[in-house]
Amino acid sequence: MDAIDVLVDAFGRAQDDARRAVDGLTADELSWRADAEANPIAWLVWHLTRVQDDHVADLAGTEQVWTADGWARRFDLPLDDASIGYGHTSEQVASVRVEDPALLTGYLDAVHERTVAYLRTLSGDDLDEVIDDRWDPPVTRGVRLVSVVDDDIQHAGQAAYLGGLVRRRR
């Protein structure tokens, strides 16, 4: 297995975990917060997908799926189209309400498809390319991709945990 295959597998696992977290939940359950400041499942899955979309589009030099494929209009959130969730206030987190879980998983699937297509254009040598020298050590394409998939997996795990809590409350 080469490094590209490992990344494809890791992003696929993050997608599967996030889909399972959303599966069978209602809009109210997706928006449930463990406390007033906690992130709900809808926000977590939206955020992990936005981060992946933003970062992979930047690496690929393409427009994000969010705007290019009309997902921003479909979600119709009271947020700037460039928002990916970093630094969101509690009110902004609450504003990410999704009435149809299929909207959330549809965007997740579209971003995953674009990510895999991008990964398939890369070679192992491409992963060693320095893409951000503002850090010490400089960040390579491979390190950035691992960072994104790590963030995705963490948030998918958080969403899965919350999903378990929500399902117990039924």
Protein backbone atom coordinates (compact mmCIF):
# COMPACT_ATOMS: atom_id res chain seq x y z
CA MET A 1 0.00 0.00 0.00
CA ASP A 2 1.45 3.36 -0.95
CA ALA A 3 0.99 6.70 0.81
CA ILE A 4 -1.80 7.84 -1.52
CA ASP A 5 -3.76 4.65 -0.85
CA VAL A 6 -3.32 5.20 2.89
CA LEU A 7 -4.72 8.73 2.59
CA VAL A 8 -7.66 7.55 0.46
CA ASP A 9 -8.41 4.89 3.06
CA ALA A 10 -8.16 7.37 5.96
CA PHE A 11 -10.46 9.91 4.33
CA GLY A 12 -12.88 7.09 3.54
CA ARG A 13 -12.94 6.04 7.18
CA ALA A 14 -13.65 9.62 8.26
CA GLN A 15 -16.52 9.79 5.76
CA ASP A 16 -17.95 6.47 6.96
CA ASP A 17 -17.70 7.51 10.61
CA ALA A 18 -19.44 10.83 9.95
CA ARG A 19 -22.20 9.16 7.91
CA ARG A 20 -22.83 6.65 10.71
CA ALA A 21 -23.03 9.46 13.25
CA VAL A 22 -25.80 11.15 11.22
CA ASP A 23 -27.67 7.99 10.19
CA GLY A 24 -31.25 7.83 11.41
CA LEU A 25 -31.24 11.12 13.30
CA THR A 26 -33.88 13.84 13.02
CA ALA A 27 -33.13 17.53 12.53
CA ASP A 28 -33.72 18.14 16.24
CA GLU A 29 -31.38 15.30 17.18
CA LEU A 30 -28.69 16.62 14.84
CA SER A 31 -28.99 20.00 16.56
CA TRP A 32 -29.02 18.70 20.15
CA ARG A 33 -26.29 20.22 22.34
CA ALA A 34 -25.00 18.47 25.44
CA ASP A 35 -24.81 21.92 27.04
CA ALA A 36 -25.29 25.50 25.88
CA GLU A 37 -21.76 25.79 24.51
CA ALA A 38 -21.32 22.28 23.08
CA ASN A 39 -21.09 21.57 19.37
CA PRO A 40 -24.00 19.55 17.96
CA ILE A 41 -23.66 16.73 15.44
CA ALA A 42 -24.86 18.89 12.54
CA TRP A 43 -22.20 21.50 13.23
CA LEU A 44 -19.44 18.91 13.73
CA VAL A 45 -20.14 17.11 10.45
CA TRP A 46 -20.66 20.39 8.57
CA HIS A 47 -17.40 21.74 10.03
CA LEU A 48 -15.28 18.67 9.27
CA THR A 49 -16.61 18.70 5.73
CA ARG A 50 -16.02 22.45 5.31
CA VAL A 51 -12.42 22.11 6.57
CA GLN A 52 -11.73 19.25 4.17
CA ASP A 53 -13.36 21.12 1.28
CA ASP A 54 -11.46 24.34 2.05
CA HIS A 55 -8.05 22.77 2.54
CA VAL A 56 -8.18 20.28 -0.32
CA ALA A 57 -9.49 22.92 -2.74
CA ASP A 58 -6.59 25.15 -1.69
CA LEU A 59 -4.09 22.35 -2.32
CA ALA A 60 -5.68 21.48 -5.67
CA GLY A 61 -6.03 25.12 -6.76
CA THR A 62 -9.77 24.69 -7.34
CA GLU A 63 -12.96 26.32 -6.14
CA GLN A 64 -14.53 24.68 -3.12
CA VAL A 65 -17.39 22.23 -3.64
CA TRP A 66 -19.35 24.42 -1.17
CA THR A 67 -19.66 27.24 -3.69
CA ALA A 68 -18.85 25.57 -7.01
CA ASP A 69 -21.59 22.96 -6.69
CA GLY A 70 -24.21 25.11 -4.96
CA TRP A 71 -24.05 23.59 -1.47
CA ALA A 72 -23.84 27.02 0.18
CA ARG A 73 -27.18 27.95 -1.42
CA ARG A 74 -28.76 24.61 -0.47
CA PHE A 75 -27.72 24.92 3.18
CA ASP A 76 -28.71 28.62 3.21
CA LEU A 77 -26.91 29.31 6.48
CA PRO A 78 -26.63 32.81 7.96
CA LEU A 79 -22.85 32.62 7.57
CA ASP A 80 -20.35 33.95 5.09
CA ASP A 81 -19.64 31.42 2.33
CA ALA A 82 -15.98 31.40 3.39
CA SER A 83 -16.85 30.28 6.93
CA ILE A 84 -15.55 26.83 7.87
CA GLY A 85 -16.34 26.97 11.58
CA TYR A 86 -13.02 28.03 13.10
CA GLY A 87 -13.66 30.60 15.79
CA HIS A 88 -17.44 30.27 15.66
CA THR A 89 -19.38 31.75 18.55
CA SER A 90 -22.03 29.67 20.29
CA GLU A 91 -24.67 31.52 18.25
CA GLN A 92 -22.90 30.75 14.97
CA VAL A 93 -22.61 27.09 15.95
CA ALA A 94 -26.35 27.02 16.68
CA SER A 95 -27.09 28.59 13.30
CA VAL A 96 -25.83 25.47 11.50
CA ARG A 97 -29.19 23.75 11.53
CA VAL A 98 -29.90 21.05 8.98
CA GLU A 99 -33.52 20.00 8.45
CA ASP A 100 -32.68 17.09 6.15
CA PRO A 101 -29.81 14.80 7.19
CA ALA A 102 -29.36 13.87 3.50
CA LEU A 103 -28.22 17.44 2.84
CA LEU A 104 -25.40 17.01 5.34
CA THR A 105 -24.32 13.60 4.04
CA GLY A 106 -24.74 14.72 0.44
CA TYR A 107 -22.24 17.52 0.94
CA LEU A 108 -19.94 15.15 2.84
CA ASP A 109 -20.07 12.66 -0.04
CA ALA A 110 -19.46 15.34 -2.68
CA VAL A 111 -16.39 16.63 -0.83
CA HIS A 112 -15.11 13.10 -0.28
CA GLU A 113 -15.46 12.36 -4.00
CA ARG A 114 -13.50 15.52 -4.87
CA THR A 115 -10.85 14.71 -2.26
CA VAL A 116 -10.30 11.19 -3.59
CA ALA A 117 -10.14 12.48 -7.17
CA TYR A 118 -7.50 14.99 -6.09
CA LEU A 119 -5.51 12.39 -4.15
CA ARG A 120 -5.48 10.12 -7.21
CA THR A 121 -3.64 12.88 -9.15
CA LEU A 122 -0.75 12.84 -6.67
CA SER A 123 2.44 10.83 -6.44
CA GLY A 124 4.46 10.07 -3.35
CA ASP A 125 6.90 12.80 -4.38
CA ASP A 126 4.06 15.35 -4.46
CA LEU A 127 3.45 14.68 -0.77
CA ASP A 128 6.98 15.91 0.02
CA GLU A 129 6.44 19.30 -1.62
CA VAL A 130 6.61 22.20 0.85
CA ILE A 131 3.37 24.16 0.55
CA ASP A 132 3.68 26.48 3.56
CA ASP A 133 7.03 27.77 4.75
CA ARG A 134 5.55 30.01 7.46
CA TRP A 135 6.00 27.14 9.93
CA ASP A 136 9.09 25.55 11.42
CA PRO A 137 9.42 22.96 10.08
CA PRO A 138 7.76 23.95 6.82
CA VAL A 139 4.50 22.15 6.03
CA THR A 140 4.47 19.65 3.18
CA ARG A 141 1.45 18.63 1.12
CA GLY A 142 1.46 15.27 2.89
CA VAL A 143 1.55 16.82 6.36
CA ARG A 144 -1.35 19.14 5.45
CA LEU A 145 -3.43 16.20 4.21
CA VAL A 146 -2.70 14.19 7.35
CA SER A 147 -3.68 17.23 9.43
CA VAL A 148 -7.02 17.48 7.59
CA VAL A 149 -7.84 13.79 7.94
CA ASP A 150 -6.85 13.88 11.61
CA ASP A 151 -9.23 16.81 12.20
CA ASP A 152 -11.97 14.98 10.28
CA ILE A 153 -11.57 11.78 12.29
CA GLN A 154 -11.58 13.63 15.60
CA HIS A 155 -14.79 15.50 14.75
CA ALA A 156 -16.43 12.37 13.35
CA GLY A 157 -15.65 10.64 16.63
CA GLN A 158 -17.18 13.51 18.57
CA ALA A 159 -20.28 13.32 16.38
CA ALA A 160 -20.49 9.55 16.92
CA TYR A 161 -20.27 9.98 20.68
CA LEU A 162 -23.03 12.60 20.63
CA GLY A 163 -25.09 10.35 18.36
CA GLY A 164 -24.89 7.64 20.99
CA LEU A 165 -26.06 10.06 23.67
CA VAL A 166 -28.92 11.25 21.47
CA ARG A 167 -30.05 7.73 20.70
CA ARG A 168 -30.06 6.83 24.42
CA ARG A 169 -32.36 9.78 25.11
CA ARG A 170 -35.08 8.41 22.83
